[in-house]
Amino acid sequence: PVRDAAWDAKKADPANSEAPYRVYNIGSNRPVKLMDFI
């Protein structure tokens, strides 16, 4: 990642920053019921 010059501290998005910092979810986006899994 690189610094995000457009990041606005007044509308702070926790997923990125003016620092070279990012956070992502990494999953399947398809929740499965426990009983279906079994």
Full PDB file with SEQRES, HELIX, SHEET, SSBOND, CRYST1, ORIGX, SCALE, CONECT and MASTER records, all heavy atoms in Angstrom:
SEQRES   1 A   38  PRO VAL ARG ASP ALA ALA TRP ASP ALA LYS LYS ALA ASP          
SEQRES   2 A   38  PRO ALA ASN SER GLU ALA PRO TYR ARG VAL TYR ASN ILE          
SEQRES   3 A   38  GLY SER ASN ARG PRO VAL LYS LEU MET ASP PHE ILE              
HELIX    1 AA1 ALA A    9  LYS A   11  5                                   3    
HELIX    2 AA2 LEU A   34  PHE A   37  1                                   4    
CRYST1    1.000    1.000    1.000  90.00  90.00  90.00 P 1           1          
ORIGX1      1.000000  0.000000  0.000000        0.00000                         
ORIGX2      0.000000  1.000000  0.000000        0.00000                         
ORIGX3      0.000000  0.000000  1.000000        0.00000                         
SCALE1      1.000000  0.000000  0.000000        0.00000                         
SCALE2      0.000000  1.000000  0.000000        0.00000                         
SCALE3      0.000000  0.000000  1.000000        0.00000                         
ATOM      1  N   PRO A   1       0.821  -1.215   0.000  1.00  0.00           N  
ATOM      2  CA  PRO A   1       0.000   0.000   0.000  1.00  0.00           C  
ATOM      3  C   PRO A   1       0.854   1.263   0.000  1.00  0.00           C  
ATOM      4  O   PRO A   1       2.015   1.240   0.407  1.00  0.00           O  
ATOM      5  CB  PRO A   1      -0.798  -0.114   1.304  1.00  0.00           C  
ATOM      6  CG  PRO A   1       0.070  -0.938   2.196  1.00  0.00           C  
ATOM      7  CD  PRO A   1       0.774  -1.913   1.303  1.00  0.00           C  
ATOM      8  N   VAL A   2       0.255   2.327  -0.460  1.00  0.00           N  
ATOM      9  CA  VAL A   2       0.912   3.636  -0.435  1.00  0.00           C  
ATOM     10  C   VAL A   2       0.037   4.590   0.378  1.00  0.00           C  
ATOM     11  O   VAL A   2      -1.118   4.297   0.688  1.00  0.00           O  
ATOM     12  CB  VAL A   2       1.139   4.191  -1.858  1.00  0.00           C  
ATOM     13  CG1 VAL A   2       2.071   3.291  -2.640  1.00  0.00           C  
ATOM     14  CG2 VAL A   2      -0.201   4.336  -2.594  1.00  0.00           C  
ATOM     15  N   ARG A   3       0.594   5.743   0.705  1.00  0.00           N  
ATOM     16  CA  ARG A   3      -0.176   6.734   1.450  1.00  0.00           C  
ATOM     17  C   ARG A   3      -1.376   7.209   0.643  1.00  0.00           C  
ATOM     18  O   ARG A   3      -1.278   7.397  -0.573  1.00  0.00           O  
ATOM     19  CB  ARG A   3       0.710   7.921   1.817  1.00  0.00           C  
ATOM     20  CG  ARG A   3       1.794   7.582   2.843  1.00  0.00           C  
ATOM     21  CD  ARG A   3       2.613   8.806   3.224  1.00  0.00           C  
ATOM     22  NE  ARG A   3       3.596   8.485   4.256  1.00  0.00           N  
ATOM     23  CZ  ARG A   3       3.351   8.527   5.561  1.00  0.00           C  
ATOM     24  NH1 ARG A   3       2.149   8.891   5.986  1.00  0.00           N  
ATOM     25  NH2 ARG A   3       4.284   8.223   6.445  1.00  0.00           N  
ATOM     26  N   ASP A   4      -2.494   7.382   1.315  1.00  0.00           N  
ATOM     27  CA  ASP A   4      -3.710   7.856   0.663  1.00  0.00           C  
ATOM     28  C   ASP A   4      -3.874   9.349   0.953  1.00  0.00           C  
ATOM     29  O   ASP A   4      -4.324   9.747   2.030  1.00  0.00           O  
ATOM     30  CB  ASP A   4      -4.916   7.069   1.183  1.00  0.00           C  
ATOM     31  CG  ASP A   4      -6.207   7.441   0.481  1.00  0.00           C  
ATOM     32  OD1 ASP A   4      -6.189   8.367  -0.364  1.00  0.00           O  
ATOM     33  OD2 ASP A   4      -7.242   6.815   0.777  1.00  0.00           O  
ATOM     34  N   ALA A   5      -3.511  10.163  -0.023  1.00  0.00           N  
ATOM     35  CA  ALA A   5      -3.554  11.620   0.165  1.00  0.00           C  
ATOM     36  C   ALA A   5      -4.980  12.130   0.336  1.00  0.00           C  
ATOM     37  O   ALA A   5      -5.210  13.207   0.888  1.00  0.00           O  
ATOM     38  CB  ALA A   5      -2.887  12.310  -1.026  1.00  0.00           C  
ATOM     39  N   ALA A   6      -5.960  11.340  -0.118  1.00  0.00           N  
ATOM     40  CA  ALA A   6      -7.351  11.780  -0.038  1.00  0.00           C  
ATOM     41  C   ALA A   6      -8.024  11.376   1.274  1.00  0.00           C  
ATOM     42  O   ALA A   6      -9.178  11.744   1.513  1.00  0.00           O  
ATOM     43  CB  ALA A   6      -8.140  11.198  -1.221  1.00  0.00           C  
ATOM     44  N   TRP A   7      -7.316  10.643   2.106  1.00  0.00           N  
ATOM     45  CA  TRP A   7      -7.921  10.194   3.367  1.00  0.00           C  
ATOM     46  C   TRP A   7      -8.244  11.402   4.244  1.00  0.00           C  
ATOM     47  O   TRP A   7      -7.436  12.306   4.418  1.00  0.00           O  
ATOM     48  CB  TRP A   7      -6.958   9.267   4.099  1.00  0.00           C  
ATOM     49  CG  TRP A   7      -7.554   8.585   5.292  1.00  0.00           C  
ATOM     50  CD1 TRP A   7      -8.352   7.482   5.299  1.00  0.00           C  
ATOM     51  CD2 TRP A   7      -7.374   8.957   6.665  1.00  0.00           C  
ATOM     52  NE1 TRP A   7      -8.686   7.135   6.580  1.00  0.00           N  
ATOM     53  CE2 TRP A   7      -8.096   8.024   7.457  1.00  0.00           C  
ATOM     54  CE3 TRP A   7      -6.668   9.972   7.311  1.00  0.00           C  
ATOM     55  CZ2 TRP A   7      -8.149   8.079   8.839  1.00  0.00           C  
ATOM     56  CZ3 TRP A   7      -6.714  10.036   8.698  1.00  0.00           C  
ATOM     57  CH2 TRP A   7      -7.445   9.106   9.447  1.00  0.00           C  
ATOM     58  N   ASP A   8      -9.458  11.413   4.789  1.00  0.00           N  
ATOM     59  CA  ASP A   8      -9.948  12.553   5.553  1.00  0.00           C  
ATOM     60  C   ASP A   8     -10.160  12.147   7.002  1.00  0.00           C  
ATOM     61  O   ASP A   8     -11.029  11.328   7.307  1.00  0.00           O  
ATOM     62  CB  ASP A   8     -11.257  13.055   4.936  1.00  0.00           C  
ATOM     63  CG  ASP A   8     -11.780  14.317   5.611  1.00  0.00           C  
ATOM     64  OD1 ASP A   8     -11.182  14.758   6.614  1.00  0.00           O  
ATOM     65  OD2 ASP A   8     -12.796  14.860   5.126  1.00  0.00           O  
ATOM     66  N   ALA A   9      -9.373  12.706   7.902  1.00  0.00           N  
ATOM     67  CA  ALA A   9      -9.470  12.360   9.316  1.00  0.00           C  
ATOM     68  C   ALA A   9     -10.832  12.711   9.909  1.00  0.00           C  
ATOM     69  O   ALA A   9     -11.257  12.102  10.892  1.00  0.00           O  
ATOM     70  CB  ALA A   9      -8.366  13.064  10.100  1.00  0.00           C  
ATOM     71  N   LYS A  10     -11.530  13.661   9.297  1.00  0.00           N  
ATOM     72  CA  LYS A  10     -12.854  14.053   9.795  1.00  0.00           C  
ATOM     73  C   LYS A  10     -13.912  13.011   9.429  1.00  0.00           C  
ATOM     74  O   LYS A  10     -14.987  12.987  10.019  1.00  0.00           O  
ATOM     75  CB  LYS A  10     -13.240  15.422   9.230  1.00  0.00           C  
ATOM     76  CG  LYS A  10     -12.335  16.556   9.719  1.00  0.00           C  
ATOM     77  CD  LYS A  10     -12.758  17.883   9.118  1.00  0.00           C  
ATOM     78  CE  LYS A  10     -11.861  19.014   9.597  1.00  0.00           C  
ATOM     79  NZ  LYS A  10     -12.243  20.320   8.995  1.00  0.00           N  
ATOM     80  N   LYS A  11     -13.611  12.215   8.425  1.00  0.00           N  
ATOM     81  CA  LYS A  11     -14.503  11.117   8.016  1.00  0.00           C  
ATOM     82  C   LYS A  11     -13.677   9.837   7.990  1.00  0.00           C  
ATOM     83  O   LYS A  11     -13.624   9.142   6.982  1.00  0.00           O  
ATOM     84  CB  LYS A  11     -15.104  11.401   6.643  1.00  0.00           C  
ATOM     85  CG  LYS A  11     -15.859  12.714   6.552  1.00  0.00           C  
ATOM     86  CD  LYS A  11     -16.302  12.981   5.125  1.00  0.00           C  
ATOM     87  CE  LYS A  11     -16.994  14.335   4.997  1.00  0.00           C  
ATOM     88  NZ  LYS A  11     -17.370  14.630   3.589  1.00  0.00           N  
ATOM     89  N   ALA A  12     -13.033   9.567   9.097  1.00  0.00           N  
ATOM     90  CA  ALA A  12     -12.008   8.526   9.148  1.00  0.00           C  
ATOM     91  C   ALA A  12     -12.540   7.145   8.760  1.00  0.00           C  
ATOM     92  O   ALA A  12     -13.468   6.631   9.378  1.00  0.00           O  
ATOM     93  CB  ALA A  12     -11.403   8.470  10.541  1.00  0.00           C  
ATOM     94  N   ASP A  13     -11.952   6.581   7.713  1.00  0.00           N  
ATOM     95  CA  ASP A  13     -12.262   5.224   7.279  1.00  0.00           C  
ATOM     96  C   ASP A  13     -11.250   4.291   7.929  1.00  0.00           C  
ATOM     97  O   ASP A  13     -10.050   4.402   7.681  1.00  0.00           O  
ATOM     98  CB  ASP A  13     -12.155   5.136   5.748  1.00  0.00           C  
ATOM     99  CG  ASP A  13     -12.535   3.761   5.224  1.00  0.00           C  
ATOM    100  OD1 ASP A  13     -12.670   2.819   6.032  1.00  0.00           O  
ATOM    101  OD2 ASP A  13     -12.687   3.626   3.990  1.00  0.00           O  
ATOM    102  N   PRO A  14     -11.694   3.352   8.781  1.00  0.00           N  
ATOM    103  CA  PRO A  14     -10.736   2.485   9.481  1.00  0.00           C  
ATOM    104  C   PRO A  14      -9.994   1.514   8.583  1.00  0.00           C  
ATOM    105  O   PRO A  14      -9.014   0.900   9.017  1.00  0.00           O  
ATOM    106  CB  PRO A  14     -11.619   1.729  10.492  1.00  0.00           C  
ATOM    107  CG  PRO A  14     -12.993   1.781   9.917  1.00  0.00           C  
ATOM    108  CD  PRO A  14     -13.090   3.091   9.192  1.00  0.00           C  
ATOM    109  N   ALA A  15     -10.430   1.376   7.323  1.00  0.00           N  
ATOM    110  CA  ALA A  15      -9.798   0.403   6.425  1.00  0.00           C  
ATOM    111  C   ALA A  15      -8.528   0.923   5.778  1.00  0.00           C  
ATOM    112  O   ALA A  15      -7.748   0.151   5.232  1.00  0.00           O  
ATOM    113  CB  ALA A  15     -10.782  -0.034   5.340  1.00  0.00           C  
ATOM    114  N   ASN A  16      -8.327   2.246   5.786  1.00  0.00           N  
ATOM    115  CA  ASN A  16      -7.106   2.793   5.191  1.00  0.00           C  
ATOM    116  C   ASN A  16      -6.650   4.000   6.002  1.00  0.00           C  
ATOM    117  O   ASN A  16      -7.132   4.238   7.104  1.00  0.00           O  
ATOM    118  CB  ASN A  16      -7.295   3.130   3.711  1.00  0.00           C  
ATOM    119  CG  ASN A  16      -8.405   4.129   3.483  1.00  0.00           C  
ATOM    120  OD1 ASN A  16      -8.874   4.796   4.409  1.00  0.00           O  
ATOM    121  ND2 ASN A  16      -8.832   4.252   2.243  1.00  0.00           N  
ATOM    122  N   SER A  17      -5.724   4.769   5.459  1.00  0.00           N  
ATOM    123  CA  SER A  17      -5.124   5.841   6.242  1.00  0.00           C  
ATOM    124  C   SER A  17      -4.295   6.730   5.336  1.00  0.00           C  
ATOM    125  O   SER A  17      -4.009   6.381   4.187  1.00  0.00           O  
ATOM    126  CB  SER A  17      -4.225   5.234   7.330  1.00  0.00           C  
ATOM    127  OG  SER A  17      -3.491   6.227   8.006  1.00  0.00           O  
ATOM    128  N   GLU A  18      -3.875   7.860   5.876  1.00  0.00           N  
ATOM    129  CA  GLU A  18      -2.884   8.659   5.166  1.00  0.00           C  
ATOM    130  C   GLU A  18      -1.510   8.011   5.267  1.00  0.00           C  
ATOM    131  O   GLU A  18      -0.580   8.386   4.559  1.00  0.00           O  
ATOM    132  CB  GLU A  18      -2.828  10.077   5.719  1.00  0.00           C  
ATOM    133  CG  GLU A  18      -2.363  10.195   7.154  1.00  0.00           C  
ATOM    134  CD  GLU A  18      -2.389  11.637   7.637  1.00  0.00           C  
ATOM    135  OE1 GLU A  18      -3.472  12.253   7.623  1.00  0.00           O  
ATOM    136  OE2 GLU A  18      -1.316  12.139   8.016  1.00  0.00           O  
ATOM    137  N   ALA A  19      -1.362   7.023   6.147  1.00  0.00           N  
ATOM    138  CA  ALA A  19      -0.158   6.189   6.203  1.00  0.00           C  
ATOM    139  C   ALA A  19      -0.280   5.086   5.147  1.00  0.00           C  
ATOM    140  O   ALA A  19      -1.385   4.801   4.663  1.00  0.00           O  
ATOM    141  CB  ALA A  19      -0.007   5.577   7.591  1.00  0.00           C  
ATOM    142  N   PRO A  20       0.822   4.422   4.786  1.00  0.00           N  
ATOM    143  CA  PRO A  20       0.757   3.296   3.840  1.00  0.00           C  
ATOM    144  C   PRO A  20       0.229   2.043   4.541  1.00  0.00           C  
ATOM    145  O   PRO A  20       0.957   1.089   4.821  1.00  0.00           O  
ATOM    146  CB  PRO A  20       2.202   3.130   3.379  1.00  0.00           C  
ATOM    147  CG  PRO A  20       3.024   3.647   4.518  1.00  0.00           C  
ATOM    148  CD  PRO A  20       2.225   4.763   5.130  1.00  0.00           C  
ATOM    149  N   TYR A  21      -1.067   2.067   4.826  1.00  0.00           N  
ATOM    150  CA  TYR A  21      -1.700   1.082   5.710  1.00  0.00           C  
ATOM    151  C   TYR A  21      -3.055   0.688   5.137  1.00  0.00           C  
ATOM    152  O   TYR A  21      -3.836   1.549   4.717  1.00  0.00           O  
ATOM    153  CB  TYR A  21      -1.866   1.717   7.089  1.00  0.00           C  
ATOM    154  CG  TYR A  21      -2.782   0.997   8.054  1.00  0.00           C  
ATOM    155  CD1 TYR A  21      -2.274   0.070   8.954  1.00  0.00           C  
ATOM    156  CD2 TYR A  21      -4.151   1.278   8.103  1.00  0.00           C  
ATOM    157  CE1 TYR A  21      -3.100  -0.572   9.874  1.00  0.00           C  
ATOM    158  CE2 TYR A  21      -4.989   0.645   9.007  1.00  0.00           C  
ATOM    159  CZ  TYR A  21      -4.459  -0.283   9.888  1.00  0.00           C  
ATOM    160  OH  TYR A  21      -5.273  -0.920  10.790  1.00  0.00           O  
ATOM    161  N   ARG A  22      -3.335  -0.613   5.107  1.00  0.00           N  
ATOM    162  CA  ARG A  22      -4.644  -1.088   4.658  1.00  0.00           C  
ATOM    163  C   ARG A  22      -5.062  -2.284   5.505  1.00  0.00           C  
ATOM    164  O   ARG A  22      -4.231  -3.037   6.014  1.00  0.00           O  
ATOM    165  CB  ARG A  22      -4.618  -1.518   3.190  1.00  0.00           C  
ATOM    166  CG  ARG A  22      -4.286  -0.420   2.198  1.00  0.00           C  
ATOM    167  CD  ARG A  22      -5.388   0.627   2.090  1.00  0.00           C  
ATOM    168  NE  ARG A  22      -5.064   1.620   1.068  1.00  0.00           N  
ATOM    169  CZ  ARG A  22      -4.281   2.680   1.245  1.00  0.00           C  
ATOM    170  NH1 ARG A  22      -3.719   2.883   2.440  1.00  0.00           N  
ATOM    171  NH2 ARG A  22      -4.049   3.521   0.270  1.00  0.00           N  
ATOM    172  N   VAL A  23      -6.375  -2.479   5.621  1.00  0.00           N  
ATOM    173  CA  VAL A  23      -6.962  -3.659   6.251  1.00  0.00           C  
ATOM    174  C   VAL A  23      -8.011  -4.220   5.300  1.00  0.00           C  
ATOM    175  O   VAL A  23      -8.807  -3.457   4.727  1.00  0.00           O  
ATOM    176  CB  VAL A  23      -7.610  -3.326   7.611  1.00  0.00           C  
ATOM    177  CG1 VAL A  23      -8.356  -4.537   8.158  1.00  0.00           C  
ATOM    178  CG2 VAL A  23      -6.558  -2.875   8.616  1.00  0.00           C  
ATOM    179  N   TYR A  24      -7.993  -5.538   5.133  1.00  0.00           N  
ATOM    180  CA  TYR A  24      -8.965  -6.204   4.271  1.00  0.00           C  
ATOM    181  C   TYR A  24      -9.550  -7.418   4.982  1.00  0.00           C  
ATOM    182  O   TYR A  24      -8.874  -8.087   5.778  1.00  0.00           O  
ATOM    183  CB  TYR A  24      -8.308  -6.719   2.981  1.00  0.00           C  
ATOM    184  CG  TYR A  24      -7.789  -5.645   2.059  1.00  0.00           C  
ATOM    185  CD1 TYR A  24      -6.455  -5.238   2.122  1.00  0.00           C  
ATOM    186  CD2 TYR A  24      -8.618  -5.055   1.101  1.00  0.00           C  
ATOM    187  CE1 TYR A  24      -5.965  -4.258   1.274  1.00  0.00           C  
ATOM    188  CE2 TYR A  24      -8.131  -4.079   0.248  1.00  0.00           C  
ATOM    189  CZ  TYR A  24      -6.812  -3.681   0.339  1.00  0.00           C  
ATOM    190  OH  TYR A  24      -6.324  -2.708  -0.506  1.00  0.00           O  
ATOM    191  N   ASN A  25     -10.809  -7.728   4.678  1.00  0.00           N  
ATOM    192  CA  ASN A  25     -11.370  -9.033   4.992  1.00  0.00           C  
ATOM    193  C   ASN A  25     -10.879 -10.020   3.945  1.00  0.00           C  
ATOM    194  O   ASN A  25     -10.793  -9.679   2.757  1.00  0.00           O  
ATOM    195  CB  ASN A  25     -12.900  -9.009   4.937  1.00  0.00           C  
ATOM    196  CG  ASN A  25     -13.525  -8.309   6.117  1.00  0.00           C  
ATOM    197  OD1 ASN A  25     -12.943  -8.224   7.195  1.00  0.00           O  
ATOM    198  ND2 ASN A  25     -14.740  -7.799   5.916  1.00  0.00           N  
ATOM    199  N   ILE A  26     -10.599 -11.244   4.370  1.00  0.00           N  
ATOM    200  CA  ILE A  26     -10.298 -12.295   3.408  1.00  0.00           C  
ATOM    201  C   ILE A  26     -11.113 -13.524   3.798  1.00  0.00           C  
ATOM    202  O   ILE A  26     -10.848 -14.181   4.802  1.00  0.00           O  
ATOM    203  CB  ILE A  26      -8.782 -12.570   3.302  1.00  0.00           C  
ATOM    204  CG1 ILE A  26      -8.493 -13.606   2.226  1.00  0.00           C  
ATOM    205  CG2 ILE A  26      -8.160 -12.928   4.642  1.00  0.00           C  
ATOM    206  CD1 ILE A  26      -7.029 -13.655   1.804  1.00  0.00           C  
ATOM    207  N   GLY A  27     -12.161 -13.753   3.029  1.00  0.00           N  
ATOM    208  CA  GLY A  27     -13.087 -14.843   3.291  1.00  0.00           C  
ATOM    209  C   GLY A  27     -13.760 -15.250   1.999  1.00  0.00           C  
ATOM    210  O   GLY A  27     -13.328 -14.869   0.902  1.00  0.00           O  
ATOM    211  N   SER A  28     -14.844 -16.002   2.116  1.00  0.00           N  
ATOM    212  CA  SER A  28     -15.525 -16.502   0.913  1.00  0.00           C  
ATOM    213  C   SER A  28     -16.737 -15.668   0.527  1.00  0.00           C  
ATOM    214  O   SER A  28     -17.234 -15.772  -0.596  1.00  0.00           O  
ATOM    215  CB  SER A  28     -15.969 -17.951   1.136  1.00  0.00           C  
ATOM    216  OG  SER A  28     -17.025 -18.002   2.095  1.00  0.00           O  
ATOM    217  N   ASN A  29     -17.234 -14.842   1.474  1.00  0.00           N  
ATOM    218  CA  ASN A  29     -18.465 -14.074   1.267  1.00  0.00           C  
ATOM    219  C   ASN A  29     -19.663 -14.997   1.051  1.00  0.00           C  
ATOM    220  O   ASN A  29     -20.642 -14.607   0.421  1.00  0.00           O  
ATOM    221  CB  ASN A  29     -18.316 -13.095   0.087  1.00  0.00           C  
ATOM    222  CG  ASN A  29     -19.402 -12.037   0.069  1.00  0.00           C  
ATOM    223  OD1 ASN A  29     -19.936 -11.665   1.106  1.00  0.00           O  
ATOM    224  ND2 ASN A  29     -19.749 -11.558  -1.119  1.00  0.00           N  
ATOM    225  N   ARG A  30     -19.562 -16.238   1.588  1.00  0.00           N  
ATOM    226  CA  ARG A  30     -20.665 -17.193   1.469  1.00  0.00           C  
ATOM    227  C   ARG A  30     -20.837 -17.928   2.805  1.00  0.00           C  
ATOM    228  O   ARG A  30     -20.333 -19.045   2.973  1.00  0.00           O  
ATOM    229  CB  ARG A  30     -20.388 -18.215   0.360  1.00  0.00           C  
ATOM    230  CG  ARG A  30     -20.379 -17.646  -1.044  1.00  0.00           C  
ATOM    231  CD  ARG A  30     -20.269 -18.755  -2.093  1.00  0.00           C  
ATOM    232  NE  ARG A  30     -19.059 -19.537  -1.921  1.00  0.00           N  
ATOM    233  CZ  ARG A  30     -17.893 -19.247  -2.498  1.00  0.00           C  
ATOM    234  NH1 ARG A  30     -17.790 -18.178  -3.267  1.00  0.00           N  
ATOM    235  NH2 ARG A  30     -16.836 -20.014  -2.307  1.00  0.00           N  
ATOM    236  N   PRO A  31     -21.533 -17.333   3.770  1.00  0.00           N  
ATOM    237  CA  PRO A  31     -21.681 -18.010   5.065  1.00  0.00           C  
ATOM    238  C   PRO A  31     -22.443 -19.324   4.921  1.00  0.00           C  
ATOM    239  O   PRO A  31     -23.392 -19.442   4.137  1.00  0.00           O  
ATOM    240  CB  PRO A  31     -22.460 -16.994   5.903  1.00  0.00           C  
ATOM    241  CG  PRO A  31     -23.153 -16.116   4.916  1.00  0.00           C  
ATOM    242  CD  PRO A  31     -22.246 -16.045   3.729  1.00  0.00           C  
ATOM    243  N   VAL A  32     -21.989 -20.320   5.671  1.00  0.00           N  
ATOM    244  CA  VAL A  32     -22.591 -21.654   5.628  1.00  0.00           C  
ATOM    245  C   VAL A  32     -23.132 -21.985   7.009  1.00  0.00           C  
ATOM    246  O   VAL A  32     -22.438 -21.810   8.020  1.00  0.00           O  
ATOM    247  CB  VAL A  32     -21.542 -22.715   5.213  1.00  0.00           C  
ATOM    248  CG1 VAL A  32     -22.134 -24.120   5.268  1.00  0.00           C  
ATOM    249  CG2 VAL A  32     -20.993 -22.410   3.819  1.00  0.00           C  
ATOM    250  N   LYS A  33     -24.363 -22.455   7.067  1.00  0.00           N  
ATOM    251  CA  LYS A  33     -24.946 -22.857   8.338  1.00  0.00           C  
ATOM    252  C   LYS A  33     -24.191 -24.057   8.898  1.00  0.00           C  
ATOM    253  O   LYS A  33     -23.776 -24.953   8.155  1.00  0.00           O  
ATOM    254  CB  LYS A  33     -26.422 -23.204   8.160  1.00  0.00           C  
ATOM    255  CG  LYS A  33     -27.298 -22.013   7.796  1.00  0.00           C  
ATOM    256  CD  LYS A  33     -28.750 -22.441   7.615  1.00  0.00           C  
ATOM    257  CE  LYS A  33     -29.632 -21.249   7.253  1.00  0.00           C  
ATOM    258  NZ  LYS A  33     -31.042 -21.662   7.037  1.00  0.00           N  
ATOM    259  N   LEU A  34     -24.021 -24.069  10.222  1.00  0.00           N  
ATOM    260  CA  LEU A  34     -23.266 -25.134  10.862  1.00  0.00           C  
ATOM    261  C   LEU A  34     -23.841 -26.505  10.537  1.00  0.00           C  
ATOM    262  O   LEU A  34     -23.088 -27.448  10.243  1.00  0.00           O  
ATOM    263  CB  LEU A  34     -23.249 -24.925  12.374  1.00  0.00           C  
ATOM    264  CG  LEU A  34     -22.515 -25.994  13.194  1.00  0.00           C  
ATOM    265  CD1 LEU A  34     -21.038 -26.040  12.813  1.00  0.00           C  
ATOM    266  CD2 LEU A  34     -22.672 -25.728  14.695  1.00  0.00           C  
ATOM    267  N   MET A  35     -25.147 -26.646  10.553  1.00  0.00           N  
ATOM    268  CA  MET A  35     -25.754 -27.951  10.292  1.00  0.00           C  
ATOM    269  C   MET A  35     -25.548 -28.377   8.838  1.00  0.00           C  
ATOM    270  O   MET A  35     -25.403 -29.574   8.548  1.00  0.00           O  
ATOM    271  CB  MET A  35     -27.242 -27.931  10.649  1.00  0.00           C  
ATOM    272  CG  MET A  35     -27.528 -27.588  12.114  1.00  0.00           C  
ATOM    273  SD  MET A  35     -26.531 -28.527  13.306  1.00  0.00           S  
ATOM    274  CE  MET A  35     -27.082 -30.198  12.977  1.00  0.00           C  
ATOM    275  N   ASP A  36     -25.502 -27.427   7.912  1.00  0.00           N  
ATOM    276  CA  ASP A  36     -25.204 -27.761   6.512  1.00  0.00           C  
ATOM    277  C   ASP A  36     -23.749 -28.212   6.371  1.00  0.00           C  
ATOM    278  O   ASP A  36     -23.431 -29.097   5.566  1.00  0.00           O  
ATOM    279  CB  ASP A  36     -25.456 -26.553   5.609  1.00  0.00           C  
ATOM    280  CG  ASP A  36     -26.931 -26.212   5.482  1.00  0.00           C  
ATOM    281  OD1 ASP A  36     -27.770 -27.092   5.784  1.00  0.00           O  
ATOM    282  OD2 ASP A  36     -27.244 -25.066   5.097  1.00  0.00           O  
ATOM    283  N   PHE A  37     -22.881 -27.607   7.155  1.00  0.00           N  
ATOM    284  CA  PHE A  37     -21.466 -27.986   7.148  1.00  0.00           C  
ATOM    285  C   PHE A  37     -21.309 -29.410   7.658  1.00  0.00           C  
ATOM    286  O   PHE A  37     -20.584 -30.224   7.068  1.00  0.00           O  
ATOM    287  CB  PHE A  37     -20.695 -27.003   8.026  1.00  0.00           C  
ATOM    288  CG  PHE A  37     -19.201 -27.140   7.954  1.00  0.00           C  
ATOM    289  CD1 PHE A  37     -18.521 -26.953   6.764  1.00  0.00           C  
ATOM    290  CD2 PHE A  37     -18.468 -27.421   9.103  1.00  0.00           C  
ATOM    291  CE1 PHE A  37     -17.129 -27.055   6.707  1.00  0.00           C  
ATOM    292  CE2 PHE A  37     -17.084 -27.524   9.057  1.00  0.00           C  
ATOM    293  CZ  PHE A  37     -16.416 -27.345   7.853  1.00  0.00           C  
ATOM    294  N   ILE A  38     -22.003 -29.715   8.739  1.00  0.00           N  
ATOM    295  CA  ILE A  38     -21.952 -31.075   9.286  1.00  0.00           C  
ATOM    296  C   ILE A  38     -22.512 -32.074   8.273  1.00  0.00           C  
ATOM    297  O   ILE A  38     -21.959 -33.169   8.085  1.00  0.00           O  
ATOM    298  CB  ILE A  38     -22.722 -31.151  10.617  1.00  0.00           C  
ATOM    299  CG1 ILE A  38     -22.014 -30.315  11.683  1.00  0.00           C  
ATOM    300  CG2 ILE A  38     -22.875 -32.605  11.083  1.00  0.00           C  
ATOM    301  CD1 ILE A  38     -22.777 -30.178  12.992  1.00  0.00           C  
TER     302      ILE A  38                                                      
MASTER        0    0    0    2    0    0    0    6  301    1    0    3          
END                                                                             
